[in-house]
Amino acid sequence: NLQAAQTTFQAAGVFFSRSADATGAGRKQVLDSNWVVVGQQPSPGELIGEGDAVLSVVKIGEPNNC
C-alpha cells in the first residue's frame, strides 16, 4: 500500500515523496493505507532525491490498470 511504499522511501533516506490518483480523478490520498501503488516515477532502481518520487495510486479494490 501507499504507506508501505512511503516507509520504504524513508528507510532509504528520502523523506519527501508525492502521490497522485492514477485514475485522473484528482482524489487526495487522506488515509495512505487505503491506497495501492500501481506505478512510480522515476522507474525502480533509479537514484532519487527529495521530492523526485511520484507514486501513482488507486484505492484498494479498484482496477489497477491505469
Protein backbone atom coordinates (compact mmCIF):
# COMPACT_ATOMS: atom_id res chain seq x y z
CA ASN A 1 0.00 0.00 0.00
CA LEU A 2 0.99 3.65 -0.21
CA GLN A 3 2.03 3.80 3.43
CA ALA A 4 4.41 0.85 2.99
CA ALA A 5 5.93 2.48 -0.11
CA GLN A 6 6.50 5.74 1.77
CA THR A 7 8.10 3.83 4.65
CA THR A 8 10.45 2.14 2.16
CA PHE A 9 11.50 5.53 0.75
CA GLN A 10 12.10 6.86 4.26
CA ALA A 11 14.22 3.83 5.16
CA ALA A 12 16.39 4.71 2.15
CA GLY A 13 16.79 8.29 3.39
CA VAL A 14 14.19 10.04 1.20
CA PHE A 15 11.59 11.71 3.40
CA PHE A 16 9.51 13.58 0.81
CA SER A 17 7.62 11.76 -1.94
CA ARG A 18 4.43 12.65 -3.78
CA SER A 19 1.43 10.57 -4.78
CA ALA A 20 -1.19 11.08 -7.45
CA ASP A 21 -4.53 9.44 -8.21
CA ALA A 22 -3.79 7.17 -11.18
CA THR A 23 -7.42 7.35 -12.36
CA GLY A 24 -7.02 11.03 -13.18
CA ALA A 25 -9.89 11.96 -10.84
CA GLY A 26 -7.57 14.06 -8.68
CA ARG A 27 -8.61 12.42 -5.41
CA LYS A 28 -6.46 13.15 -2.36
CA GLN A 29 -4.82 10.27 -0.51
CA VAL A 30 -6.01 11.11 3.01
CA LEU A 31 -5.55 7.65 4.54
CA ASP A 32 -2.40 6.24 2.90
CA SER A 33 -3.13 2.66 3.92
CA ASN A 34 -6.31 2.70 1.75
CA TRP A 35 -4.32 3.19 -1.47
CA VAL A 36 -2.16 0.82 -3.51
CA VAL A 37 0.77 1.90 -5.67
CA VAL A 38 0.35 0.96 -9.36
CA GLY A 39 3.27 2.93 -10.80
CA GLN A 40 6.10 5.25 -9.96
CA GLN A 41 8.39 7.84 -11.50
CA PRO A 42 11.32 7.58 -11.79
CA SER A 43 11.47 3.87 -12.52
CA PRO A 44 12.55 1.37 -9.85
CA GLY A 45 16.30 1.24 -9.41
CA GLU A 46 16.97 4.84 -10.44
CA LEU A 47 18.63 7.16 -7.94
CA ILE A 48 16.28 9.75 -6.45
CA GLY A 49 16.45 12.73 -4.15
CA GLU A 50 13.94 14.57 -2.00
CA GLY A 51 10.71 15.21 -3.93
CA ASP A 52 11.75 13.21 -7.00
CA ALA A 53 9.50 10.22 -6.31
CA VAL A 54 5.93 10.35 -7.63
CA LEU A 55 3.77 7.33 -6.84
CA SER A 56 0.66 6.60 -8.94
CA VAL A 57 -2.06 5.11 -6.74
CA VAL A 58 -5.62 3.77 -6.78
CA LYS A 59 -7.86 2.88 -3.87
CA ILE A 60 -7.53 -0.70 -2.68
CA GLY A 61 -10.03 -2.84 -4.57
CA GLU A 62 -10.16 -0.62 -7.66
CA PRO A 63 -8.82 -1.88 -11.00
CA ASN A 64 -5.12 -1.07 -11.22
CA ASN A 65 -4.74 -0.96 -14.98
CA CYS A 66 -4.46 2.83 -15.05
